[in-house]
């Protein structure tokens, strides 16, 4: 029914948003560590020194000490703006396809 499809889209959007908001701090640390590889290569080429994260714990401690706890939430606006729609479409598509076959 139409109500079932709308509820699937809504629940999918809420679940995706929740998952992304909860895991965002971990994703922020992971992204910084990934980017440092490219930054390190550029810094070596340009003979500059950049912050080097040795492991995720050290990266998180560096972020807290130098930028504050809020640094874990940088970029959350883009996540909040996109995650509900992407997850709603994903879960809606899965449910729609299950009923086709």
N, C-alpha and C. Protein backbone atom coordinates (compact mmCIF):
# COMPACT_ATOMS: atom_id res chain seq x y z
N UNK A 1 0.84 -1.18 0.00
CA UNK A 1 0.00 0.00 0.00
C UNK A 1 0.89 1.25 0.00
N UNK A 2 0.25 2.38 -0.27
CA UNK A 2 0.97 3.65 -0.33
C UNK A 2 1.53 4.02 1.04
N UNK A 3 0.74 3.76 2.11
CA UNK A 3 1.21 4.08 3.45
C UNK A 3 2.47 3.30 3.80
N UNK A 4 2.52 2.02 3.39
CA UNK A 4 3.69 1.18 3.66
C UNK A 4 4.92 1.73 2.96
N UNK A 5 4.76 2.18 1.71
CA UNK A 5 5.90 2.72 0.97
C UNK A 5 6.42 4.01 1.62
N UNK A 6 5.50 4.87 2.02
CA UNK A 6 5.93 6.12 2.67
C UNK A 6 6.60 5.84 4.01
N UNK A 7 6.05 4.89 4.76
CA UNK A 7 6.66 4.58 6.06
C UNK A 7 8.04 3.95 5.87
N UNK A 8 8.21 3.14 4.82
CA UNK A 8 9.52 2.56 4.53
C UNK A 8 10.52 3.66 4.19
N UNK A 9 10.12 4.64 3.39
CA UNK A 9 11.00 5.75 3.06
C UNK A 9 11.37 6.54 4.31
N UNK A 10 10.37 6.80 5.15
CA UNK A 10 10.60 7.58 6.36
C UNK A 10 11.53 6.85 7.32
N UNK A 11 11.24 5.59 7.59
CA UNK A 11 12.06 4.80 8.51
C UNK A 11 13.47 4.63 7.95
N UNK A 12 13.58 4.42 6.65
CA UNK A 12 14.91 4.31 6.02
C UNK A 12 15.71 5.59 6.18
N UNK A 13 15.05 6.73 6.01
CA UNK A 13 15.73 8.01 6.17
C UNK A 13 16.19 8.25 7.60
N UNK A 14 15.32 7.94 8.55
CA UNK A 14 15.67 8.12 9.97
C UNK A 14 16.81 7.18 10.36
N UNK A 15 16.76 5.93 9.92
CA UNK A 15 17.81 4.99 10.31
C UNK A 15 19.16 5.38 9.69
N UNK A 16 19.15 5.82 8.46
CA UNK A 16 20.39 6.25 7.82
C UNK A 16 20.97 7.49 8.49
N UNK A 17 20.12 8.43 8.82
CA UNK A 17 20.56 9.64 9.50
C UNK A 17 21.16 9.30 10.86
N UNK A 18 20.48 8.45 11.61
CA UNK A 18 20.96 8.05 12.93
C UNK A 18 22.32 7.37 12.83
N UNK A 19 22.44 6.43 11.92
CA UNK A 19 23.71 5.70 11.76
C UNK A 19 24.84 6.65 11.39
N UNK A 20 24.59 7.56 10.48
CA UNK A 20 25.64 8.48 10.04
C UNK A 20 26.03 9.48 11.11
N UNK A 21 25.06 9.97 11.87
CA UNK A 21 25.37 10.93 12.94
C UNK A 21 26.16 10.25 14.06
N UNK A 22 25.79 9.02 14.40
CA UNK A 22 26.48 8.31 15.47
C UNK A 22 27.92 7.97 15.06
N UNK A 23 28.14 7.61 13.83
CA UNK A 23 29.48 7.20 13.39
C UNK A 23 30.30 8.36 12.82
N UNK A 24 29.76 9.56 12.78
CA UNK A 24 30.47 10.70 12.18
C UNK A 24 31.82 11.00 12.83
N UNK A 25 31.93 10.99 14.17
CA UNK A 25 33.25 11.25 14.75
C UNK A 25 34.32 10.25 14.30
N UNK A 26 33.96 8.99 14.21
CA UNK A 26 34.91 7.96 13.75
C UNK A 26 35.26 8.21 12.29
N UNK A 27 34.28 8.55 11.50
CA UNK A 27 34.51 8.83 10.09
C UNK A 27 35.40 10.06 9.90
N UNK A 28 35.25 11.05 10.76
CA UNK A 28 36.08 12.25 10.68
C UNK A 28 37.54 11.91 10.93
N UNK A 29 37.82 11.10 11.95
CA UNK A 29 39.19 10.68 12.23
C UNK A 29 39.74 9.87 11.05
N UNK A 30 38.93 8.95 10.54
CA UNK A 30 39.36 8.11 9.41
C UNK A 30 39.69 8.97 8.20
N UNK A 31 38.85 9.95 7.91
CA UNK A 31 39.08 10.81 6.75
C UNK A 31 40.35 11.63 6.91
N UNK A 32 40.57 12.14 8.10
CA UNK A 32 41.80 12.91 8.33
C UNK A 32 43.04 12.05 8.14
N UNK A 33 42.97 10.80 8.58
CA UNK A 33 44.12 9.93 8.40
C UNK A 33 44.32 9.59 6.92
N UNK A 34 43.24 9.42 6.18
CA UNK A 34 43.37 9.14 4.75
C UNK A 34 43.93 10.34 4.00
N UNK A 35 43.47 11.52 4.34
CA UNK A 35 43.90 12.73 3.66
C UNK A 35 45.36 13.03 3.97
N UNK A 36 45.82 12.66 5.15
CA UNK A 36 47.20 12.98 5.50
C UNK A 36 48.18 12.29 4.56
N UNK A 37 47.81 11.16 3.98
CA UNK A 37 48.70 10.50 3.02
C UNK A 37 48.93 11.38 1.81
N UNK A 38 47.87 11.97 1.28
CA UNK A 38 47.99 12.87 0.14
C UNK A 38 48.69 14.15 0.55
N UNK A 39 48.37 14.64 1.74
CA UNK A 39 49.00 15.87 2.24
C UNK A 39 50.48 15.64 2.48
N UNK A 40 50.83 14.46 2.99
CA UNK A 40 52.22 14.14 3.27
C UNK A 40 53.03 14.12 1.97
N UNK A 41 52.47 13.53 0.93
CA UNK A 41 53.16 13.49 -0.36
C UNK A 41 53.35 14.90 -0.90
N UNK A 42 52.34 15.73 -0.78
CA UNK A 42 52.44 17.12 -1.25
C UNK A 42 53.43 17.90 -0.40
N UNK A 43 53.44 17.66 0.91
CA UNK A 43 54.35 18.38 1.80
C UNK A 43 55.80 18.01 1.52
N UNK A 44 56.05 16.74 1.23
CA UNK A 44 57.41 16.31 0.90
C UNK A 44 57.85 16.98 -0.39
N UNK A 45 56.95 17.01 -1.35
CA UNK A 45 57.27 17.64 -2.64
C UNK A 45 57.52 19.14 -2.46
N UNK A 46 56.74 19.78 -1.59
CA UNK A 46 56.87 21.22 -1.39
C UNK A 46 57.81 21.55 -0.23
N UNK A 47 58.39 20.52 0.40
CA UNK A 47 59.31 20.66 1.52
C UNK A 47 58.67 21.40 2.69
N UNK A 48 57.46 20.98 3.02
CA UNK A 48 56.75 21.53 4.17
C UNK A 48 56.50 20.41 5.16
N UNK A 49 56.31 20.78 6.41
CA UNK A 49 56.02 19.79 7.44
C UNK A 49 54.54 19.91 7.79
N UNK A 50 53.84 18.77 7.85
CA UNK A 50 52.43 18.78 8.21
C UNK A 50 52.21 17.86 9.41
N UNK A 51 51.05 17.94 10.01
CA UNK A 51 50.71 17.09 11.15
C UNK A 51 50.64 15.65 10.68
N UNK A 52 51.29 14.78 11.40
CA UNK A 52 51.27 13.37 11.06
C UNK A 52 50.55 12.61 12.17
N UNK A 53 49.49 11.92 11.80
CA UNK A 53 48.76 11.08 12.75
C UNK A 53 49.32 9.67 12.65
N UNK A 54 49.78 9.12 13.76
CA UNK A 54 50.36 7.78 13.75
C UNK A 54 49.29 6.69 13.83
N UNK A 55 48.19 6.98 14.51
CA UNK A 55 47.11 6.00 14.66
C UNK A 55 45.83 6.76 15.02
N UNK A 56 44.69 6.10 14.97
CA UNK A 56 43.42 6.80 15.23
C UNK A 56 43.33 7.42 16.61
N UNK A 57 43.87 6.76 17.63
CA UNK A 57 43.79 7.31 18.99
C UNK A 57 44.61 8.59 19.08
N UNK A 58 45.81 8.58 18.52
CA UNK A 58 46.66 9.76 18.53
C UNK A 58 46.01 10.88 17.73
N UNK A 59 45.37 10.54 16.62
CA UNK A 59 44.68 11.55 15.81
C UNK A 59 43.55 12.19 16.61
N UNK A 60 42.77 11.37 17.30
CA UNK A 60 41.65 11.89 18.09
C UNK A 60 42.17 12.78 19.23
N UNK A 61 43.23 12.36 19.88
CA UNK A 61 43.80 13.17 20.97
C UNK A 61 44.33 14.50 20.43
N UNK A 62 44.95 14.47 19.28
CA UNK A 62 45.47 15.70 18.65
C UNK A 62 44.31 16.64 18.31
N UNK A 63 43.22 16.09 17.79
CA UNK A 63 42.06 16.89 17.44
C UNK A 63 41.47 17.55 18.68
N UNK A 64 41.32 16.79 19.76
CA UNK A 64 40.74 17.33 20.99
C UNK A 64 41.64 18.44 21.57
N UNK A 65 42.93 18.16 21.61
CA UNK A 65 43.87 19.11 22.22
C UNK A 65 43.97 20.41 21.42
N UNK A 66 44.04 20.32 20.09
CA UNK A 66 44.31 21.49 19.26
C UNK A 66 43.07 22.17 18.68
N UNK A 67 41.99 21.42 18.54
CA UNK A 67 40.81 21.99 17.89
C UNK A 67 39.55 21.92 18.73
N UNK A 68 39.59 21.13 19.79
CA UNK A 68 38.42 20.98 20.64
C UNK A 68 37.55 19.81 20.20
N UNK A 69 36.65 19.44 21.10
CA UNK A 69 35.77 18.29 20.85
C UNK A 69 34.87 18.50 19.64
N UNK A 70 34.54 19.76 19.35
CA UNK A 70 33.65 20.05 18.22
C UNK A 70 34.26 19.68 16.87
N UNK A 71 35.58 19.50 16.83
CA UNK A 71 36.23 19.16 15.56
C UNK A 71 35.76 17.81 15.02
N UNK A 72 35.27 16.94 15.90
CA UNK A 72 34.76 15.65 15.45
C UNK A 72 33.47 15.79 14.64
N UNK A 73 32.82 16.92 14.76
CA UNK A 73 31.53 17.14 14.10
C UNK A 73 31.64 18.06 12.89
N UNK A 74 32.85 18.40 12.46
CA UNK A 74 32.99 19.21 11.25
C UNK A 74 32.41 18.44 10.07
N UNK A 75 31.64 19.13 9.26
CA UNK A 75 31.05 18.50 8.09
C UNK A 75 29.74 17.79 8.35
N UNK A 76 29.22 17.86 9.55
CA UNK A 76 27.97 17.15 9.87
C UNK A 76 26.79 17.69 9.09
N UNK A 77 26.84 18.97 8.71
CA UNK A 77 25.74 19.56 7.96
C UNK A 77 25.49 18.85 6.64
N UNK A 78 26.56 18.50 5.94
CA UNK A 78 26.41 17.79 4.67
C UNK A 78 25.82 16.40 4.89
N UNK A 79 26.21 15.77 5.99
CA UNK A 79 25.69 14.44 6.31
C UNK A 79 24.19 14.53 6.60
N UNK A 80 23.81 15.49 7.43
CA UNK A 80 22.40 15.66 7.80
C UNK A 80 21.56 16.03 6.57
N UNK A 81 22.16 16.77 5.66
CA UNK A 81 21.43 17.17 4.46
C UNK A 81 21.25 16.07 3.44
N UNK A 82 22.16 15.09 3.41
CA UNK A 82 22.09 14.08 2.37
C UNK A 82 21.73 12.68 2.83
N UNK A 83 22.14 12.30 4.01
CA UNK A 83 21.96 10.92 4.48
C UNK A 83 20.50 10.46 4.51
N UNK A 84 19.57 11.26 4.99
CA UNK A 84 18.19 10.77 5.04
C UNK A 84 17.63 10.42 3.65
N UNK A 85 17.96 11.23 2.67
CA UNK A 85 17.44 10.98 1.33
C UNK A 85 18.08 9.75 0.70
N UNK A 86 19.39 9.62 0.86
CA UNK A 86 20.09 8.47 0.30
C UNK A 86 19.59 7.17 0.94
N UNK A 87 19.46 7.16 2.25
CA UNK A 87 19.00 5.96 2.94
C UNK A 87 17.55 5.65 2.64
N UNK A 88 16.73 6.68 2.54
CA UNK A 88 15.32 6.46 2.21
C UNK A 88 15.18 5.83 0.83
N UNK A 89 15.93 6.32 -0.12
CA UNK A 89 15.88 5.74 -1.46
C UNK A 89 16.43 4.31 -1.48
N UNK A 90 17.48 4.08 -0.73
CA UNK A 90 18.05 2.73 -0.67
C UNK A 90 17.04 1.74 -0.10
N UNK A 91 16.52 2.04 1.10
CA UNK A 91 15.58 1.12 1.73
C UNK A 91 14.28 1.01 0.95
N UNK A 92 13.82 2.12 0.40
CA UNK A 92 12.63 2.08 -0.43
C UNK A 92 12.83 1.21 -1.66
N UNK A 93 14.00 1.32 -2.28
CA UNK A 93 14.31 0.50 -3.45
C UNK A 93 14.40 -0.98 -3.12
N UNK A 94 14.97 -1.29 -1.97
CA UNK A 94 15.07 -2.69 -1.54
C UNK A 94 13.68 -3.28 -1.33
N UNK A 95 12.83 -2.55 -0.61
CA UNK A 95 11.47 -3.04 -0.36
C UNK A 95 10.67 -3.16 -1.65
N UNK A 96 10.81 -2.20 -2.53
CA UNK A 96 10.09 -2.24 -3.79
C UNK A 96 10.53 -3.46 -4.62
N UNK A 97 11.83 -3.69 -4.66
CA UNK A 97 12.35 -4.82 -5.42
C UNK A 97 11.93 -6.16 -4.82
N UNK A 98 11.87 -6.23 -3.49
CA UNK A 98 11.45 -7.49 -2.85
C UNK A 98 10.03 -7.86 -3.25
N UNK A 99 9.18 -6.88 -3.45
CA UNK A 99 7.80 -7.17 -3.83
C UNK A 99 7.65 -7.50 -5.29
N UNK A 100 8.65 -7.19 -6.08
CA UNK A 100 8.60 -7.49 -7.51
C UNK A 100 8.90 -8.96 -7.77
N UNK A 101 9.71 -9.57 -6.93
CA UNK A 101 10.14 -10.94 -7.20
C UNK A 101 9.65 -11.89 -6.18
